[in-house]
Protein backbone atom coordinates (compact mmCIF):
# COMPACT_ATOMS: atom_id res chain seq x y z
CA MET A 1 0.00 0.00 0.00
CA PHE A 2 1.36 3.41 -1.01
CA LEU A 3 0.61 6.57 0.93
CA LYS A 4 -0.24 9.53 -1.24
CA LEU A 5 1.82 12.53 -0.20
CA LYS A 6 -0.25 15.56 0.61
CA PRO A 7 0.76 18.99 -0.71
CA SER A 8 2.81 20.97 1.78
CA GLY A 9 0.76 24.12 1.46
CA PHE A 10 3.71 26.13 0.14
CA GLU A 11 2.82 27.88 -3.10
CA TYR A 12 6.15 29.36 -4.21
CA LEU A 13 9.87 28.73 -3.91
CA ILE A 14 12.03 31.85 -4.31
CA VAL A 15 15.69 31.09 -4.95
CA GLY A 16 18.59 33.51 -5.31
CA LEU A 17 21.71 32.06 -6.90
CA GLY A 18 25.27 32.78 -5.78
CA ASN A 19 28.35 31.34 -4.15
CA PRO A 20 28.62 31.03 -0.34
CA GLY A 21 31.46 32.52 1.66
CA ILE A 22 33.10 35.90 2.29
CA THR A 23 35.29 35.59 -0.81
CA TYR A 24 32.26 35.88 -3.09
CA GLU A 25 30.27 38.54 -1.24
CA ASN A 26 29.16 41.45 -3.44
CA THR A 27 30.56 39.90 -6.63
CA ARG A 28 28.56 40.09 -9.86
CA HIS A 29 27.80 36.36 -9.73
CA ASN A 30 26.11 36.83 -6.34
CA ALA A 31 23.38 39.13 -7.65
CA GLY A 32 20.79 36.47 -6.78
CA PHE A 33 21.94 36.40 -3.15
CA MET A 34 21.80 40.22 -3.08
CA VAL A 35 18.17 40.20 -4.24
CA ILE A 36 17.29 37.70 -1.52
CA ASP A 37 18.96 40.02 1.02
CA GLU A 38 16.82 42.93 -0.21
CA LEU A 39 13.69 40.80 0.03
CA LEU A 40 14.59 39.62 3.54
CA ASP A 41 15.19 43.21 4.68
CA ASP A 42 11.81 44.22 3.29
CA LEU A 43 10.09 41.33 5.05
CA ASN A 44 12.11 41.73 8.28
CA LEU A 45 13.13 38.09 7.95
CA THR A 46 16.28 35.97 8.25
CA LEU A 47 17.17 32.62 6.72
CA ASN A 48 16.93 30.54 9.88
CA LYS A 49 16.97 26.98 8.54
CA HIS A 50 19.91 25.01 7.11
CA LYS A 51 18.85 21.93 5.19
CA PHE A 52 18.78 20.68 1.59
CA GLU A 53 22.24 22.26 1.21
CA SER A 54 20.54 25.65 1.52
CA LEU A 55 19.91 28.46 3.93
CA TYR A 56 16.18 29.09 3.83
CA SER A 57 13.12 30.34 5.63
CA ASP A 58 9.38 30.38 5.10
CA THR A 59 6.95 33.24 5.27
CA VAL A 60 3.70 34.57 3.84
CA ILE A 61 3.59 37.09 0.97
CA SER A 62 0.21 38.39 -0.19
CA GLY A 63 -1.51 35.59 1.68
CA LYS A 64 0.56 32.87 0.03
CA ARG A 65 3.04 30.62 1.85
CA VAL A 66 6.48 30.81 0.29
CA ILE A 67 9.97 29.48 0.88
CA ILE A 68 12.95 31.81 0.35
CA ALA A 69 16.33 30.14 -0.18
CA LYS A 70 20.02 30.63 -0.89
CA PRO A 71 21.63 27.37 -2.10
CA GLN A 72 24.99 26.70 -0.45
CA THR A 73 26.17 24.26 -3.12
CA PHE A 74 28.14 26.81 -5.15
CA MET A 75 26.65 28.16 -8.35
CA ASN A 76 27.24 25.26 -10.75
CA ASN A 77 25.43 22.77 -8.50
CA SER A 78 22.41 24.95 -7.67
CA GLY A 79 20.00 22.36 -9.08
CA LYS A 80 20.80 19.93 -6.30
CA ALA A 81 19.45 22.31 -3.66
CA VAL A 82 16.49 23.57 -5.68
CA SER A 83 15.28 20.11 -6.69
CA ALA A 84 15.59 18.87 -3.08
CA ILE A 85 13.49 21.73 -1.66
CA SER A 86 10.97 21.49 -4.50
CA SER A 87 10.60 17.74 -4.04
CA PHE A 88 10.29 17.82 -0.26
CA TYR A 89 7.74 20.65 -0.13
CA LYS A 90 5.89 19.56 -3.29
CA ILE A 91 6.39 22.89 -5.08
CA PRO A 92 6.01 22.45 -8.86
CA ALA A 93 8.61 23.85 -11.26
CA ASP A 94 6.27 26.55 -12.58
CA ARG A 95 5.97 27.96 -9.03
CA ILE A 96 9.72 28.39 -8.62
CA ILE A 97 11.25 31.86 -9.09
CA VAL A 98 15.01 31.78 -9.69
CA ILE A 99 17.04 35.00 -9.49
CA PHE A 100 20.52 35.26 -11.02
CA ASP A 101 23.06 37.52 -12.74
CA ASP A 102 23.03 38.17 -16.49
CA ILE A 103 26.04 39.54 -18.41
CA SER A 104 23.90 40.31 -21.47
CA LEU A 105 21.90 42.92 -19.56
CA ALA A 106 23.15 46.40 -18.77
CA VAL A 107 23.97 47.08 -15.14
CA GLY A 108 20.83 48.24 -13.35
CA ASN A 109 18.36 46.48 -15.64
CA ILE A 110 16.34 43.39 -14.80
CA ARG A 111 14.48 41.00 -17.07
CA ILE A 112 11.68 38.67 -16.05
CA ARG A 113 10.82 35.51 -17.98
CA ARG A 114 8.18 32.83 -17.51
CA LYS A 115 10.50 30.12 -18.86
CA GLY A 116 13.41 29.63 -21.25
CA SER A 117 16.81 28.11 -21.83
CA ALA A 118 19.82 28.52 -19.56
CA GLY A 119 21.39 31.09 -21.87
CA GLY A 120 24.88 29.98 -20.88
CA HIS A 121 24.35 30.47 -17.14
CA ASN A 122 25.60 27.38 -15.29
CA GLY A 123 23.42 27.87 -12.23
CA ILE A 124 20.08 27.91 -14.05
CA LYS A 125 21.43 25.24 -16.43
CA ASP A 126 21.91 22.84 -13.52
CA ILE A 127 18.45 23.63 -12.16
CA ILE A 128 16.82 22.98 -15.56
CA GLU A 129 18.70 19.69 -15.93
CA LEU A 130 17.79 18.35 -12.48
CA MET A 131 14.20 19.62 -12.56
CA GLY A 132 13.76 18.25 -16.09
CA THR A 133 12.02 21.37 -17.40
CA GLU A 134 12.65 24.91 -18.66
CA ASN A 135 9.25 25.95 -17.33
CA ILE A 136 10.77 27.85 -14.41
CA MET A 137 10.26 31.57 -13.79
CA ARG A 138 13.40 33.64 -13.63
CA ILE A 139 14.46 37.17 -12.80
CA LYS A 140 17.75 38.17 -14.37
CA VAL A 141 19.80 40.99 -12.87
CA GLY A 142 22.04 42.87 -15.28
CA VAL A 143 25.72 42.93 -14.34
CA GLY A 144 27.03 44.14 -17.71
CA SER A 145 29.28 42.47 -20.24
CA LYS A 146 33.02 41.98 -19.80
CA PRO A 147 35.05 44.99 -20.98
CA ASN A 148 36.71 43.25 -23.95
CA PRO A 149 36.59 39.84 -25.68
CA GLU A 150 39.95 38.77 -24.19
CA TYR A 151 38.80 39.39 -20.62
CA ASP A 152 38.25 36.11 -18.75
CA LEU A 153 34.54 35.57 -18.13
CA LYS A 154 35.13 33.83 -14.79
CA ASP A 155 37.22 36.75 -13.58
CA TRP A 156 34.46 39.14 -14.66
CA VAL A 157 31.53 37.45 -12.93
CA LEU A 158 33.55 36.65 -9.81
CA GLY A 159 34.86 40.21 -9.66
CA LYS A 160 33.34 43.09 -7.73
CA PRO A 161 31.69 45.93 -9.67
CA SER A 162 32.92 49.51 -9.63
CA GLU A 163 31.36 51.90 -7.13
CA THR A 164 28.97 53.27 -9.77
CA ASP A 165 28.02 49.81 -11.04
CA ALA A 166 27.54 48.60 -7.46
CA GLU A 167 25.04 51.42 -6.86
CA ASN A 168 23.17 50.54 -10.06
CA MET A 169 23.20 46.86 -9.11
CA LYS A 170 21.71 47.74 -5.74
CA ILE A 171 18.86 49.58 -7.47
CA ALA A 172 18.31 46.57 -9.75
CA CYS A 173 18.31 44.21 -6.75
CA LYS A 174 15.70 46.34 -4.98
CA ASN A 175 13.53 46.28 -8.12
CA ALA A 176 14.01 42.53 -8.48
CA ALA A 177 12.87 42.04 -4.87
CA LYS A 178 9.78 44.13 -5.65
CA ALA A 179 9.22 42.03 -8.78
CA VAL A 180 9.22 38.84 -6.70
CA LYS A 181 6.41 40.24 -4.56
CA GLU A 182 4.57 41.45 -7.66
CA ILE A 183 4.69 37.97 -9.22
CA ILE A 184 3.23 36.43 -6.08
CA CYS A 185 0.65 39.17 -5.59
CA SER A 186 -0.48 39.92 -9.15
CA GLY A 187 1.17 37.42 -11.50
CA ILE A 188 4.23 37.36 -13.73
CA ASP A 189 2.68 39.43 -16.55
CA SER A 190 2.17 42.34 -14.15
CA ALA A 191 5.74 42.02 -12.89
CA MET A 192 7.12 41.97 -16.45
CA ASN A 193 5.16 45.08 -17.36
CA LYS A 194 6.38 46.97 -14.29
CA TYR A 195 10.00 45.88 -13.93
CA SER A 196 11.45 44.25 -17.06
CA LYS A 197 13.80 46.47 -19.06
């Protein structure tokens, strides 16, 4: 006899991508973590649980129960954490919002998508592979392109932005945090209309 698992009651999983540790703080690749920090500040919340190779917490936004998480697996293995949380709490892929950096967007811009390919980003690539679908919402935070073709991409994304770019990234992260709440409150179309650039 098999027991049918009941839904957990959580309606959304919000995940910011980045790399754990002081070395990677405030680097371009940690834009997803920065958005989570903005959202936590706004909600007066901390990530008080450590499981599924993630720091996470749960709360209510616009009457809906949500989980907010920062995977601690390092960027390229983000799917391991996301799929574990999704599976345990029975949150379907189309109710997951993943936030990450995008070098094809100008610094300060954000772009919201209902689904799509990885676009060369290893974090979302791993999530798509382990979840088995591209039908995952994402908010991309612009960190700008590398200054010249010879510049090493890894050095660029793991580097810290200039003072001006850091200020513009902070604005983008604040808008991305607002976009998360807008998606949950009014739907992704509304969020795209208000915040995508």
